[in-house]
PDB file of all heavy atoms in Angstrom:
ATOM      1  N   VAL A   1     -17.031  17.468   1.127  1.00  0.00           N
ATOM      2  CA  VAL A   1     -16.421  16.620   2.144  1.00  0.00           C
ATOM      3  C   VAL A   1     -15.132  17.246   2.667  1.00  0.00           C
ATOM      4  O   VAL A   1     -14.883  17.287   3.881  1.00  0.00           O
ATOM      5  CB  VAL A   1     -16.191  15.202   1.621  1.00  0.00           C
ATOM      6  CG1 VAL A   1     -15.277  14.414   2.524  1.00  0.00           C
ATOM      7  CG2 VAL A   1     -17.512  14.502   1.438  1.00  0.00           C
ATOM      8  N   GLN A   2     -14.301  17.746   1.760  1.00  0.00           N
ATOM      9  CA  GLN A   2     -13.058  18.365   2.196  1.00  0.00           C
ATOM     10  C   GLN A   2     -13.293  19.661   2.986  1.00  0.00           C
ATOM     11  O   GLN A   2     -12.547  19.968   3.897  1.00  0.00           O
ATOM     12  CB  GLN A   2     -12.146  18.637   1.032  1.00  0.00           C
ATOM     13  CG  GLN A   2     -11.456  17.410   0.519  1.00  0.00           C
ATOM     14  CD  GLN A   2     -10.402  17.749  -0.489  1.00  0.00           C
ATOM     15  OE1 GLN A   2     -10.494  18.699  -1.240  1.00  0.00           O
ATOM     16  NE2 GLN A   2      -9.377  16.926  -0.540  1.00  0.00           N
ATOM     17  N   ASP A   3     -14.323  20.367   2.596  1.00  0.00           N
ATOM     18  CA  ASP A   3     -14.603  21.617   3.294  1.00  0.00           C
ATOM     19  C   ASP A   3     -15.123  21.401   4.705  1.00  0.00           C
ATOM     20  O   ASP A   3     -14.816  22.156   5.616  1.00  0.00           O
ATOM     21  CB  ASP A   3     -15.622  22.425   2.486  1.00  0.00           C
ATOM     22  CG  ASP A   3     -15.797  23.823   2.995  1.00  0.00           C
ATOM     23  OD1 ASP A   3     -14.764  24.483   3.254  1.00  0.00           O
ATOM     24  OD2 ASP A   3     -16.953  24.271   3.128  1.00  0.00           O
ATOM     25  N   LEU A   4     -15.886  20.326   4.911  1.00  0.00           N
ATOM     26  CA  LEU A   4     -16.476  20.062   6.224  1.00  0.00           C
ATOM     27  C   LEU A   4     -15.631  19.210   7.150  1.00  0.00           C
ATOM     28  O   LEU A   4     -15.965  19.023   8.293  1.00  0.00           O
ATOM     29  CB  LEU A   4     -17.846  19.417   6.043  1.00  0.00           C
ATOM     30  CG  LEU A   4     -18.900  20.276   5.328  1.00  0.00           C
ATOM     31  CD1 LEU A   4     -20.189  19.481   5.162  1.00  0.00           C
ATOM     32  CD2 LEU A   4     -19.139  21.554   6.069  1.00  0.00           C
ATOM     33  N   THR A   5     -14.513  18.699   6.618  1.00  0.00           N
ATOM     34  CA  THR A   5     -13.638  17.839   7.448  1.00  0.00           C
ATOM     35  C   THR A   5     -12.858  18.705   8.439  1.00  0.00           C
ATOM     36  O   THR A   5     -12.296  19.726   8.088  1.00  0.00           O
ATOM     37  CB  THR A   5     -12.650  17.067   6.548  1.00  0.00           C
ATOM     38  OG1 THR A   5     -13.419  16.294   5.627  1.00  0.00           O
ATOM     39  CG2 THR A   5     -11.774  16.154   7.372  1.00  0.00           C
ATOM     40  N   THR A   6     -12.815  18.254   9.687  1.00  0.00           N
ATOM     41  CA  THR A   6     -12.046  18.938  10.708  1.00  0.00           C
ATOM     42  C   THR A   6     -10.636  18.405  10.720  1.00  0.00           C
ATOM     43  O   THR A   6     -10.449  17.177  10.805  1.00  0.00           O
ATOM     44  CB  THR A   6     -12.703  18.747  12.087  1.00  0.00           C
ATOM     45  OG1 THR A   6     -14.054  19.181  12.009  1.00  0.00           O
ATOM     46  CG2 THR A   6     -11.976  19.549  13.142  1.00  0.00           C
ATOM     47  N   ALA A   7      -9.666  19.276  10.654  1.00  0.00           N
ATOM     48  CA  ALA A   7      -8.274  18.839  10.615  1.00  0.00           C
ATOM     49  C   ALA A   7      -7.631  18.943  12.007  1.00  0.00           C
ATOM     50  O   ALA A   7      -8.015  19.830  12.788  1.00  0.00           O
ATOM     51  CB  ALA A   7      -7.502  19.673   9.607  1.00  0.00           C
ATOM     52  N   ALA A   8      -6.640  18.097  12.258  1.00  0.00           N
ATOM     53  CA  ALA A   8      -5.975  18.106  13.550  1.00  0.00           C
ATOM     54  C   ALA A   8      -4.864  19.170  13.627  1.00  0.00           C
ATOM     55  O   ALA A   8      -4.602  19.727  14.690  1.00  0.00           O
ATOM     56  CB  ALA A   8      -5.410  16.749  13.856  1.00  0.00           C
ATOM     57  N   THR A   9      -4.246  19.433  12.516  1.00  0.00           N
ATOM     58  CA  THR A   9      -3.122  20.384  12.492  1.00  0.00           C
ATOM     59  C   THR A   9      -3.396  21.471  11.444  1.00  0.00           C
ATOM     60  O   THR A   9      -4.153  21.219  10.489  1.00  0.00           O
ATOM     61  CB  THR A   9      -1.825  19.670  12.144  1.00  0.00           C
ATOM     62  OG1 THR A   9      -1.908  19.125  10.830  1.00  0.00           O
ATOM     63  CG2 THR A   9      -1.496  18.544  13.131  1.00  0.00           C
ATOM     64  N   PRO A  10      -2.756  22.629  11.579  1.00  0.00           N
ATOM     65  CA  PRO A  10      -2.927  23.665  10.577  1.00  0.00           C
ATOM     66  C   PRO A  10      -2.436  23.260   9.177  1.00  0.00           C
ATOM     67  O   PRO A  10      -2.992  23.696   8.171  1.00  0.00           O
ATOM     68  CB  PRO A  10      -2.089  24.856  11.125  1.00  0.00           C
ATOM     69  CG  PRO A  10      -2.024  24.611  12.595  1.00  0.00           C
ATOM     70  CD  PRO A  10      -2.037  23.139  12.748  1.00  0.00           C
ATOM     71  N   GLU A  11      -1.399  22.443   9.130  1.00  0.00           N
ATOM     72  CA  GLU A  11      -0.884  21.994   7.839  1.00  0.00           C
ATOM     73  C   GLU A  11      -1.893  21.132   7.105  1.00  0.00           C
ATOM     74  O   GLU A  11      -2.116  21.273   5.913  1.00  0.00           O
ATOM     75  CB  GLU A  11       0.445  21.232   7.982  1.00  0.00           C
ATOM     76  CG  GLU A  11       1.606  22.085   8.484  1.00  0.00           C
ATOM     77  CD  GLU A  11       1.612  22.275   9.996  1.00  0.00           C
ATOM     78  OE1 GLU A  11       0.913  21.512  10.685  1.00  0.00           O
ATOM     79  OE2 GLU A  11       2.275  23.222  10.432  1.00  0.00           O
ATOM     80  N   LEU A  12      -2.517  20.226   7.850  1.00  0.00           N
ATOM     81  CA  LEU A  12      -3.558  19.378   7.261  1.00  0.00           C
ATOM     82  C   LEU A  12      -4.769  20.222   6.839  1.00  0.00           C
ATOM     83  O   LEU A  12      -5.371  19.992   5.794  1.00  0.00           O
ATOM     84  CB  LEU A  12      -3.956  18.271   8.228  1.00  0.00           C
ATOM     85  CG  LEU A  12      -5.029  17.303   7.766  1.00  0.00           C
ATOM     86  CD1 LEU A  12      -4.604  16.583   6.505  1.00  0.00           C
ATOM     87  CD2 LEU A  12      -5.385  16.333   8.858  1.00  0.00           C
ATOM     88  N   ALA A  13      -5.095  21.193   7.691  1.00  0.00           N
ATOM     89  CA  ALA A  13      -6.249  22.043   7.334  1.00  0.00           C
ATOM     90  C   ALA A  13      -5.963  22.816   6.078  1.00  0.00           C
ATOM     91  O   ALA A  13      -6.856  22.988   5.235  1.00  0.00           O
ATOM     92  CB  ALA A  13      -6.497  23.011   8.508  1.00  0.00           C
ATOM     93  N   ARG A  14      -4.745  23.312   5.907  1.00  0.00           N
ATOM     94  CA  ARG A  14      -4.398  24.051   4.697  1.00  0.00           C
ATOM     95  C   ARG A  14      -4.478  23.163   3.452  1.00  0.00           C
ATOM     96  O   ARG A  14      -5.021  23.577   2.415  1.00  0.00           O
ATOM     97  CB  ARG A  14      -2.987  24.626   4.814  1.00  0.00           C
ATOM     98  CG  ARG A  14      -2.638  25.567   3.677  1.00  0.00           C
ATOM     99  CD  ARG A  14      -1.302  26.238   3.842  1.00  0.00           C
ATOM    100  NE  ARG A  14      -1.306  27.032   5.061  1.00  0.00           N
ATOM    101  CZ  ARG A  14      -0.446  26.859   6.070  1.00  0.00           C
ATOM    102  NH1 ARG A  14       0.452  25.922   6.047  1.00  0.00           N
ATOM    103  NH2 ARG A  14      -0.496  27.626   7.151  1.00  0.00           N
ATOM    104  N   SER A  15      -4.026  21.922   3.575  1.00  0.00           N
ATOM    105  CA  SER A  15      -4.101  21.049   2.400  1.00  0.00           C
ATOM    106  C   SER A  15      -5.551  20.666   2.068  1.00  0.00           C
ATOM    107  O   SER A  15      -5.924  20.553   0.893  1.00  0.00           O
ATOM    108  CB  SER A  15      -3.249  19.792   2.608  1.00  0.00           C
ATOM    109  OG  SER A  15      -3.745  19.022   3.662  1.00  0.00           O
ATOM    110  N   LEU A  16      -6.383  20.484   3.101  1.00  0.00           N
ATOM    111  CA  LEU A  16      -7.817  20.202   2.868  1.00  0.00           C
ATOM    112  C   LEU A  16      -8.494  21.403   2.184  1.00  0.00           C
ATOM    113  O   LEU A  16      -9.336  21.225   1.291  1.00  0.00           O
ATOM    114  CB  LEU A  16      -8.525  19.861   4.166  1.00  0.00           C
ATOM    115  CG  LEU A  16      -8.257  18.462   4.711  1.00  0.00           C
ATOM    116  CD1 LEU A  16      -8.862  18.376   6.120  1.00  0.00           C
ATOM    117  CD2 LEU A  16      -8.827  17.410   3.828  1.00  0.00           C
ATOM    118  N   VAL A  17      -8.164  22.596   2.635  1.00  0.00           N
ATOM    119  CA  VAL A  17      -8.762  23.794   2.036  1.00  0.00           C
ATOM    120  C   VAL A  17      -8.332  23.952   0.574  1.00  0.00           C
ATOM    121  O   VAL A  17      -9.156  24.274  -0.291  1.00  0.00           O
ATOM    122  CB  VAL A  17      -8.377  25.044   2.862  1.00  0.00           C
ATOM    123  CG1 VAL A  17      -8.684  26.331   2.118  1.00  0.00           C
ATOM    124  CG2 VAL A  17      -9.126  25.028   4.179  1.00  0.00           C
ATOM    125  N   ILE A  18      -7.077  23.716   0.291  1.00  0.00           N
ATOM    126  CA  ILE A  18      -6.599  23.826  -1.097  1.00  0.00           C
ATOM    127  C   ILE A  18      -7.254  22.774  -1.985  1.00  0.00           C
ATOM    128  O   ILE A  18      -7.644  23.046  -3.104  1.00  0.00           O
ATOM    129  CB  ILE A  18      -5.059  23.751  -1.133  1.00  0.00           C
ATOM    130  CG1 ILE A  18      -4.485  25.019  -0.492  1.00  0.00           C
ATOM    131  CG2 ILE A  18      -4.556  23.615  -2.576  1.00  0.00           C
ATOM    132  CD1 ILE A  18      -2.988  24.968  -0.265  1.00  0.00           C
ATOM    133  N   GLY A  19      -7.407  21.558  -1.454  1.00  0.00           N
ATOM    134  CA  GLY A  19      -8.132  20.527  -2.203  1.00  0.00           C
ATOM    135  C   GLY A  19      -9.590  20.873  -2.442  1.00  0.00           C
ATOM    136  O   GLY A  19     -10.135  20.620  -3.521  1.00  0.00           O
ATOM    137  N   ALA A  20     -10.230  21.466  -1.455  1.00  0.00           N
ATOM    138  CA  ALA A  20     -11.625  21.882  -1.594  1.00  0.00           C
ATOM    139  C   ALA A  20     -11.742  22.987  -2.627  1.00  0.00           C
ATOM    140  O   ALA A  20     -12.668  22.999  -3.440  1.00  0.00           O
ATOM    141  CB  ALA A  20     -12.199  22.310  -0.269  1.00  0.00           C
ATOM    142  N   LEU A  21     -10.785  23.934  -2.615  1.00  0.00           N
ATOM    143  CA  LEU A  21     -10.795  24.994  -3.608  1.00  0.00           C
ATOM    144  C   LEU A  21     -10.649  24.440  -5.025  1.00  0.00           C
ATOM    145  O   LEU A  21     -11.379  24.856  -5.941  1.00  0.00           O
ATOM    146  CB  LEU A  21      -9.657  26.000  -3.340  1.00  0.00           C
ATOM    147  CG  LEU A  21      -9.931  27.017  -2.238  1.00  0.00           C
ATOM    148  CD1 LEU A  21      -8.655  27.772  -1.916  1.00  0.00           C
ATOM    149  CD2 LEU A  21     -11.013  27.968  -2.652  1.00  0.00           C
ATOM    150  N   ALA A  22      -9.731  23.521  -5.191  1.00  0.00           N
ATOM    151  CA  ALA A  22      -9.489  22.936  -6.546  1.00  0.00           C
ATOM    152  C   ALA A  22     -10.739  22.166  -7.011  1.00  0.00           C
ATOM    153  O   ALA A  22     -11.146  22.300  -8.166  1.00  0.00           O
ATOM    154  CB  ALA A  22      -8.276  22.035  -6.526  1.00  0.00           C
ATOM    155  N   SER A  23     -11.331  21.378  -6.117  1.00  0.00           N
ATOM    156  CA  SER A  23     -12.502  20.620  -6.501  1.00  0.00           C
ATOM    157  C   SER A  23     -13.681  21.540  -6.813  1.00  0.00           C
ATOM    158  O   SER A  23     -14.462  21.275  -7.715  1.00  0.00           O
ATOM    159  CB  SER A  23     -12.892  19.655  -5.370  1.00  0.00           C
ATOM    160  OG  SER A  23     -11.872  18.731  -5.138  1.00  0.00           O
ATOM    161  N   ALA A  24     -13.804  22.604  -6.052  1.00  0.00           N
ATOM    162  CA  ALA A  24     -14.895  23.566  -6.311  1.00  0.00           C
ATOM    163  C   ALA A  24     -14.722  24.258  -7.665  1.00  0.00           C
ATOM    164  O   ALA A  24     -15.727  24.484  -8.373  1.00  0.00           O
ATOM    165  CB  ALA A  24     -14.972  24.597  -5.195  1.00  0.00           C
ATOM    166  N   VAL A  25     -13.498  24.580  -8.011  1.00  0.00           N
ATOM    167  CA  VAL A  25     -13.256  25.226  -9.312  1.00  0.00           C
ATOM    168  C   VAL A  25     -13.614  24.246 -10.462  1.00  0.00           C
ATOM    169  O   VAL A  25     -14.232  24.667 -11.444  1.00  0.00           O
ATOM    170  CB  VAL A  25     -11.788  25.696  -9.407  1.00  0.00           C
ATOM    171  CG1 VAL A  25     -11.417  26.075 -10.821  1.00  0.00           C
ATOM    172  CG2 VAL A  25     -11.562  26.870  -8.466  1.00  0.00           C
ATOM    173  N   VAL A  26     -13.260  22.974 -10.309  1.00  0.00           N
ATOM    174  CA  VAL A  26     -13.611  21.991 -11.314  1.00  0.00           C
ATOM    175  C   VAL A  26     -15.137  21.878 -11.442  1.00  0.00           C
ATOM    176  O   VAL A  26     -15.711  21.841 -12.539  1.00  0.00           O
ATOM    177  CB  VAL A  26     -12.977  20.617 -11.004  1.00  0.00           C
ATOM    178  CG1 VAL A  26     -13.529  19.520 -11.872  1.00  0.00           C
ATOM    179  CG2 VAL A  26     -11.472  20.680 -11.171  1.00  0.00           C
ATOM    180  N   ALA A  27     -15.810  21.829 -10.294  1.00  0.00           N
ATOM    181  CA  ALA A  27     -17.250  21.686 -10.311  1.00  0.00           C
ATOM    182  C   ALA A  27     -17.943  22.920 -10.919  1.00  0.00           C
ATOM    183  O   ALA A  27     -18.914  22.797 -11.674  1.00  0.00           O
ATOM    184  CB  ALA A  27     -17.770  21.454  -8.875  1.00  0.00           C
ATOM    185  N   ILE A  28     -17.433  24.099 -10.633  1.00  0.00           N
ATOM    186  CA  ILE A  28     -18.000  25.304 -11.204  1.00  0.00           C
ATOM    187  C   ILE A  28     -17.752  25.368 -12.711  1.00  0.00           C
ATOM    188  O   ILE A  28     -18.645  25.790 -13.482  1.00  0.00           O
ATOM    189  CB  ILE A  28     -17.420  26.561 -10.481  1.00  0.00           C
ATOM    190  CG1 ILE A  28     -17.963  26.612  -9.070  1.00  0.00           C
ATOM    191  CG2 ILE A  28     -17.763  27.845 -11.237  1.00  0.00           C
ATOM    192  CD1 ILE A  28     -17.308  27.632  -8.183  1.00  0.00           C
ATOM    193  N   ALA A  29     -16.599  24.905 -13.166  1.00  0.00           N
ATOM    194  CA  ALA A  29     -16.342  24.851 -14.587  1.00  0.00           C
ATOM    195  C   ALA A  29     -17.296  23.873 -15.281  1.00  0.00           C
ATOM    196  O   ALA A  29     -17.837  24.194 -16.366  1.00  0.00           O
ATOM    197  CB  ALA A  29     -14.891  24.453 -14.855  1.00  0.00           C
ATOM    198  N   CYS A  30     -17.542  22.717 -14.673  1.00  0.00           N
ATOM    199  CA  CYS A  30     -18.485  21.754 -15.255  1.00  0.00           C
ATOM    200  C   CYS A  30     -19.923  22.349 -15.241  1.00  0.00           C
ATOM    201  O   CYS A  30     -20.663  22.162 -16.213  1.00  0.00           O
ATOM    202  CB  CYS A  30     -18.483  20.445 -14.448  1.00  0.00           C
ATOM    203  SG  CYS A  30     -16.994  19.481 -14.631  1.00  0.00           S
ATOM    204  N   ALA A  31     -20.296  23.037 -14.183  1.00  0.00           N
ATOM    205  CA  ALA A  31     -21.612  23.640 -14.107  1.00  0.00           C
ATOM    206  C   ALA A  31     -21.794  24.734 -15.154  1.00  0.00           C
ATOM    207  O   ALA A  31     -22.837  24.809 -15.827  1.00  0.00           O
ATOM    208  CB  ALA A  31     -21.838  24.225 -12.743  1.00  0.00           C
ATOM    209  N   ALA A  32     -20.759  25.529 -15.392  1.00  0.00           N
ATOM    210  CA  ALA A  32     -20.830  26.573 -16.411  1.00  0.00           C
ATOM    211  C   ALA A  32     -20.944  25.982 -17.793  1.00  0.00           C
ATOM    212  O   ALA A  32     -21.733  26.421 -18.644  1.00  0.00           O
ATOM    213  CB  ALA A  32     -19.609  27.481 -16.330  1.00  0.00           C
ATOM    214  N   TRP A  33     -20.184  24.886 -18.043  1.00  0.00           N
ATOM    215  CA  TRP A  33     -20.274  24.217 -19.347  1.00  0.00           C
ATOM    216  C   TRP A  33     -21.675  23.638 -19.585  1.00  0.00           C
ATOM    217  O   TRP A  33     -22.230  23.800 -20.673  1.00  0.00           O
ATOM    218  CB  TRP A  33     -19.236  23.089 -19.436  1.00  0.00           C
ATOM    219  CG  TRP A  33     -19.105  22.500 -20.776  1.00  0.00           C
ATOM    220  CD1 TRP A  33     -18.327  22.936 -21.805  1.00  0.00           C
ATOM    221  CD2 TRP A  33     -19.795  21.355 -21.275  1.00  0.00           C
ATOM    222  NE1 TRP A  33     -18.489  22.129 -22.894  1.00  0.00           N
ATOM    223  CE2 TRP A  33     -19.390  21.161 -22.611  1.00  0.00           C
ATOM    224  CE3 TRP A  33     -20.745  20.470 -20.743  1.00  0.00           C
ATOM    225  CZ2 TRP A  33     -19.887  20.128 -23.392  1.00  0.00           C
ATOM    226  CZ3 TRP A  33     -21.242  19.462 -21.525  1.00  0.00           C
ATOM    227  CH2 TRP A  33     -20.798  19.284 -22.814  1.00  0.00           C
ATOM    228  N   LEU A  34     -22.240  23.034 -18.544  1.00  0.00           N
ATOM    229  CA  LEU A  34     -23.595  22.463 -18.678  1.00  0.00           C
ATOM    230  C   LEU A  34     -24.610  23.579 -18.904  1.00  0.00           C
ATOM    231  O   LEU A  34     -25.548  23.406 -19.650  1.00  0.00           O
ATOM    232  CB  LEU A  34     -23.971  21.644 -17.449  1.00  0.00           C
ATOM    233  CG  LEU A  34     -23.297  20.266 -17.352  1.00  0.00           C
ATOM    234  CD1 LEU A  34     -23.569  19.662 -16.002  1.00  0.00           C
ATOM    235  CD2 LEU A  34     -23.754  19.376 -18.456  1.00  0.00           C
ATOM    236  N   TRP A  35     -24.458  24.700 -18.232  1.00  0.00           N
ATOM    237  CA  TRP A  35     -25.428  25.774 -18.333  1.00  0.00           C
ATOM    238  C   TRP A  35     -25.426  26.394 -19.716  1.00  0.00           C
ATOM    239  O   TRP A  35     -26.459  26.662 -20.299  1.00  0.00           O
ATOM    240  CB  TRP A  35     -25.180  26.841 -17.271  1.00  0.00           C
ATOM    241  CG  TRP A  35     -26.189  27.912 -17.315  1.00  0.00           C
ATOM    242  CD1 TRP A  35     -26.037  29.150 -17.851  1.00  0.00           C
ATOM    243  CD2 TRP A  35     -27.521  27.846 -16.832  1.00  0.00           C
ATOM    244  NE1 TRP A  35     -27.203  29.855 -17.708  1.00  0.00           N
ATOM    245  CE2 TRP A  35     -28.132  29.084 -17.093  1.00  0.00           C
ATOM    246  CE3 TRP A  35     -28.267  26.867 -16.184  1.00  0.00           C
ATOM    247  CZ2 TRP A  35     -29.454  29.362 -16.721  1.00  0.00           C
ATOM    248  CZ3 TRP A  35     -29.557  27.134 -15.834  1.00  0.00           C
ATOM    249  CH2 TRP A  35     -30.141  28.390 -16.105  1.00  0.00           C
ATOM    250  N   PHE A  36     -24.245  26.619 -20.287  1.00  0.00           N
ATOM    251  CA  PHE A  36     -24.141  27.339 -21.562  1.00  0.00           C
ATOM    252  C   PHE A  36     -24.240  26.443 -22.763  1.00  0.00           C
ATOM    253  O   PHE A  36     -24.509  26.906 -23.866  1.00  0.00           O
ATOM    254  CB  PHE A  36     -22.897  28.186 -21.619  1.00  0.00           C
ATOM    255  CG  PHE A  36     -22.918  29.330 -20.662  1.00  0.00           C
ATOM    256  CD1 PHE A  36     -22.056  29.396 -19.590  1.00  0.00           C
ATOM    257  CD2 PHE A  36     -23.884  30.343 -20.824  1.00  0.00           C
ATOM    258  CE1 PHE A  36     -22.101  30.461 -18.707  1.00  0.00           C
ATOM    259  CE2 PHE A  36     -23.934  31.402 -19.920  1.00  0.00           C
ATOM    260  CZ  PHE A  36     -23.040  31.476 -18.881  1.00  0.00           C
TER     261      PHE A  36
END
């Protein structure tokens, strides 16, 4: 959701991208834990 959201300003876009990165890292960590 954060990755696909269109932001009105570059500052908002940067914060959405950083939030998407953090959420993706958490999801990848959970996926790796489940896999192994």
